[in-house]
Amino acid sequence: MRNDGVPGPRPDGAPRPCFVVQIHDARRLHFDFRLEVDGVLKSWAVPRGPSENPSDRRLAVETEDHPLEYREFEGVIPQGESGSGTVIVWDQGTYEPLGHDQRGGALPFAESLALGHATFRLHGSKLHGEFALTRFRVGDEPESGGREAWLLIKAADRLAVKDRPGSPDPYHARSARTGRTLHQVALAAARGDGG
C-alpha cells in the first residue's frame, strides 16, 4: 500500500482492476455499478445506489456487460436509444478482489461471481472499504424476466457509516470526474457545449 492509502499495483505488477458508479437518469433513475472483470465492465443496476451503511442491503440487478471505455462516459444518451437519459460518473477508482478458495488461495474474481458471492475492497473517490455482491435469484425463475438479482452490501469494517444514510441524494450528487450534477450535464448537452 502506498502512503496515500491507495494500493499500488498487484504483486505481479499488473494494474488493479477499475470500478465505476454512474448515476443514470433514464426511464427510472438508478445507479450503475460496474466492475472490470476479464476485459469488460460487469454491470448491475442498483435502484437506490450503493450504501456505505452495512445495515442497507441494496438490490443489484445484473445488466449487460459494457466495454472498458464506458467507465469514462458522462453525458446524455439521446431519446430513442437504449438507456436514453443523463449519466454522470458519481465514483470511480480501483478494487481488490478478496475471494479465496477452501485452501485459502486467491480465487479469480470471475469465478467468485460465477459461484454467486464475490467480496472486494473499493478504493474510490467516495466509496471505500470492503463490499460483497451476493446472488439471491439465478434468473430462471418465471418472475425474474431472465435477469439475475444480487445484493450489494457494505462490510462492517472501519470505513462503514452507521449513524447516517449510506447513499447519496442522486439529484444533488456531483460527478467524481467533472464536479457537475445530472442537471448541469443535461443543461450543457441541451446548449450543445458538452455533455
Protein backbone atom coordinates (compact mmCIF):
# COMPACT_ATOMS: atom_id res chain seq x y z
CA MET A 1 0.00 0.00 0.00
CA ARG A 2 1.23 3.47 -0.84
CA ASN A 3 1.43 6.28 1.71
CA ASP A 4 -1.83 7.82 0.47
CA GLY A 5 -3.82 4.71 1.45
CA VAL A 6 -4.42 3.64 -2.16
CA PRO A 7 -2.90 0.29 -3.05
CA GLY A 8 -0.28 0.20 -5.74
CA PRO A 9 -0.15 -2.44 -8.46
CA ARG A 10 -0.82 -6.09 -7.68
CA PRO A 11 2.15 -8.23 -6.58
CA ASP A 12 2.57 -9.40 -10.19
CA GLY A 13 2.98 -5.75 -11.29
CA ALA A 14 -0.32 -5.57 -13.17
CA PRO A 15 -2.58 -2.58 -12.50
CA ARG A 16 -5.56 -3.14 -10.21
CA PRO A 17 -8.93 -3.55 -11.93
CA CYS A 18 -11.16 -0.48 -12.06
CA PHE A 19 -14.70 0.21 -10.94
CA VAL A 20 -17.13 2.99 -11.70
CA VAL A 21 -20.52 4.01 -10.31
CA GLN A 22 -22.62 6.07 -12.68
CA ILE A 23 -25.89 7.79 -11.84
CA HIS A 24 -28.25 7.24 -14.75
CA ASP A 25 -31.42 9.32 -15.06
CA ALA A 26 -33.14 7.03 -17.55
CA ARG A 27 -36.74 5.78 -17.59
CA ARG A 28 -36.12 5.16 -13.88
CA LEU A 29 -33.32 6.89 -12.02
CA HIS A 30 -30.75 4.36 -10.81
CA PHE A 31 -27.05 3.82 -10.18
CA ASP A 32 -24.98 1.63 -12.49
CA PHE A 33 -22.34 -0.27 -10.51
CA ARG A 34 -19.58 -1.57 -12.79
CA LEU A 35 -16.52 -3.72 -12.05
CA GLU A 36 -13.74 -4.52 -14.51
CA VAL A 37 -13.65 -8.31 -14.96
CA ASP A 38 -11.80 -10.11 -17.75
CA GLY A 39 -11.56 -7.05 -20.00
CA VAL A 40 -15.16 -5.79 -19.71
CA LEU A 41 -17.25 -3.90 -17.19
CA LYS A 42 -19.61 -6.33 -15.44
CA SER A 43 -22.65 -4.21 -14.64
CA TRP A 44 -25.52 -4.07 -12.17
CA ALA A 45 -28.38 -1.57 -11.92
CA VAL A 46 -28.73 -0.52 -8.27
CA PRO A 47 -32.04 1.39 -7.87
CA ARG A 48 -31.22 3.04 -4.52
CA GLY A 49 -27.46 3.28 -5.05
CA PRO A 50 -24.61 1.67 -3.18
CA SER A 51 -24.56 2.33 0.54
CA GLU A 52 -21.69 2.64 2.98
CA ASN A 53 -24.02 1.59 5.80
CA PRO A 54 -23.78 -2.19 6.43
CA SER A 55 -27.43 -2.36 7.52
CA ASP A 56 -28.51 -1.34 3.98
CA ARG A 57 -28.89 -4.24 1.59
CA ARG A 58 -29.13 -2.89 -1.92
CA LEU A 59 -30.82 -4.72 -4.77
CA ALA A 60 -28.43 -5.02 -7.73
CA VAL A 61 -29.89 -6.37 -10.98
CA GLU A 62 -27.28 -7.67 -13.38
CA THR A 63 -27.32 -5.96 -16.78
CA GLU A 64 -25.29 -6.37 -19.96
CA ASP A 65 -21.51 -6.05 -19.92
CA HIS A 66 -20.05 -2.77 -21.18
CA PRO A 67 -16.69 -2.02 -22.81
CA LEU A 68 -14.00 -0.64 -20.50
CA GLU A 69 -14.11 2.73 -22.27
CA TYR A 70 -17.63 3.26 -20.94
CA ARG A 71 -16.24 3.88 -17.45
CA GLU A 72 -15.46 7.44 -18.55
CA PHE A 73 -18.83 8.19 -20.14
CA GLU A 74 -20.64 11.21 -18.79
CA GLY A 75 -23.29 12.91 -20.87
CA VAL A 76 -26.73 12.44 -22.37
CA ILE A 77 -27.83 9.34 -24.26
CA PRO A 78 -30.31 10.60 -26.89
CA GLN A 79 -34.02 9.76 -26.82
CA GLY A 80 -34.81 6.67 -28.84
CA GLU A 81 -31.54 4.94 -27.93
CA SER A 82 -31.30 2.20 -25.34
CA GLY A 83 -30.80 3.75 -21.90
CA SER A 84 -31.66 7.26 -23.04
CA GLY A 85 -31.11 9.86 -20.33
CA THR A 86 -28.40 11.73 -18.45
CA VAL A 87 -25.37 9.96 -16.94
CA ILE A 88 -22.69 11.19 -14.52
CA VAL A 89 -19.71 9.35 -13.07
CA TRP A 90 -20.53 9.50 -9.37
CA ASP A 91 -17.50 7.47 -8.25
CA GLN A 92 -14.50 5.77 -9.79
CA GLY A 93 -11.36 4.02 -8.69
CA THR A 94 -9.84 0.57 -8.35
CA TYR A 95 -10.74 -2.53 -6.42
CA GLU A 96 -9.08 -5.56 -4.89
CA PRO A 97 -10.76 -8.96 -5.22
CA LEU A 98 -10.82 -10.68 -1.81
CA GLY A 99 -12.27 -14.12 -2.61
CA HIS A 100 -10.43 -17.27 -1.53
CA ASP A 101 -10.92 -20.95 -2.17
CA GLN A 102 -11.25 -23.57 0.59
CA ARG A 103 -7.47 -23.84 0.91
CA GLY A 104 -7.02 -20.08 1.32
CA GLY A 105 -5.70 -19.45 -2.20
CA ALA A 106 -6.85 -16.41 -4.15
CA LEU A 107 -9.95 -17.10 -6.24
CA PRO A 108 -10.25 -15.39 -9.65
CA PHE A 109 -12.93 -12.71 -9.41
CA ALA A 110 -14.91 -14.08 -12.38
CA GLU A 111 -15.06 -17.43 -10.58
CA SER A 112 -16.34 -15.77 -7.39
CA LEU A 113 -19.11 -14.13 -9.43
CA ALA A 114 -19.95 -17.44 -11.13
CA LEU A 115 -20.27 -19.04 -7.69
CA GLY A 116 -22.68 -16.26 -6.64
CA HIS A 117 -20.65 -14.49 -3.95
CA ALA A 118 -17.82 -12.01 -4.51
CA THR A 119 -16.08 -9.86 -1.93
CA PHE A 120 -13.86 -6.92 -2.83
CA ARG A 121 -12.31 -3.77 -1.41
CA LEU A 122 -13.08 -0.47 -3.20
CA HIS A 123 -10.60 2.39 -3.44
CA GLY A 124 -12.71 5.17 -4.90
CA SER A 125 -13.05 8.89 -4.51
CA LYS A 126 -16.26 8.29 -2.48
CA LEU A 127 -16.67 4.58 -1.79
CA HIS A 128 -14.04 2.86 0.35
CA GLY A 129 -13.60 -0.47 2.04
CA GLU A 130 -14.99 -3.95 1.73
CA PHE A 131 -18.22 -4.81 -0.10
CA ALA A 132 -19.90 -8.02 -1.23
CA LEU A 133 -22.14 -8.97 -4.12
CA THR A 134 -24.32 -11.99 -3.32
CA ARG A 135 -26.65 -13.56 -5.88
CA PHE A 136 -30.07 -14.45 -4.49
CA ARG A 137 -32.00 -15.05 -7.73
CA VAL A 138 -30.47 -17.01 -10.57
CA GLY A 139 -32.65 -15.64 -13.38
CA ASP A 140 -34.50 -18.79 -14.40
CA GLU A 141 -37.50 -18.12 -12.15
CA PRO A 142 -40.66 -17.12 -14.08
CA GLU A 143 -40.93 -13.70 -12.37
CA SER A 144 -37.26 -12.79 -12.93
CA GLY A 145 -37.53 -11.89 -16.59
CA GLY A 146 -34.34 -13.91 -17.09
CA ARG A 147 -32.24 -11.48 -15.04
CA GLU A 148 -30.10 -12.39 -12.08
CA ALA A 149 -30.63 -10.43 -8.88
CA TRP A 150 -27.91 -9.73 -6.35
CA LEU A 151 -27.49 -7.87 -3.09
CA LEU A 152 -24.73 -5.26 -2.78
CA ILE A 153 -23.72 -4.98 0.87
CA LYS A 154 -21.07 -2.94 2.69
CA ALA A 155 -18.98 -4.87 5.22
CA ALA A 156 -18.98 -3.65 8.81
CA ASP A 157 -15.36 -2.51 8.53
CA ARG A 158 -13.76 0.63 9.96
CA LEU A 159 -14.83 2.61 6.87
CA ALA A 160 -18.54 1.84 7.25
CA VAL A 161 -21.02 4.50 8.32
CA LYS A 162 -23.60 3.62 10.93
CA ASP A 163 -25.14 6.87 12.12
CA ARG A 164 -26.45 8.25 8.84
CA PRO A 165 -27.84 7.13 5.49
CA GLY A 166 -25.14 5.49 3.41
CA SER A 167 -26.33 6.60 -0.04
CA PRO A 168 -26.20 9.98 -1.77
CA ASP A 169 -29.16 12.02 -2.99
CA PRO A 170 -28.75 11.39 -6.74
CA TYR A 171 -30.22 14.76 -7.72
CA HIS A 172 -27.63 16.66 -5.68
CA ALA A 173 -24.71 14.27 -6.18
CA ARG A 174 -21.71 15.59 -8.09
CA SER A 175 -19.57 13.84 -10.65
CA ALA A 176 -16.22 12.48 -9.49
CA ARG A 177 -14.83 13.45 -12.92
CA THR A 178 -16.22 16.95 -13.51
CA GLY A 179 -17.98 18.08 -10.33
CA ARG A 180 -21.23 18.54 -12.27
CA THR A 181 -24.73 17.37 -11.26
CA LEU A 182 -27.14 15.46 -13.52
CA HIS A 183 -29.00 18.73 -14.13
CA GLN A 184 -25.82 20.59 -15.13
CA VAL A 185 -24.80 17.82 -17.57
CA ALA A 186 -28.29 17.84 -19.14
CA LEU A 187 -28.25 21.66 -19.48
CA ALA A 188 -24.81 21.62 -21.09
CA ALA A 189 -25.94 18.99 -23.58
CA ALA A 190 -29.10 20.97 -24.42
CA ARG A 191 -26.95 24.07 -25.07
CA GLY A 192 -24.61 21.99 -27.22
CA ASP A 193 -21.49 22.74 -25.12
CA GLY A 194 -20.67 19.29 -23.81
CA GLY A 195 -22.47 16.52 -22.09
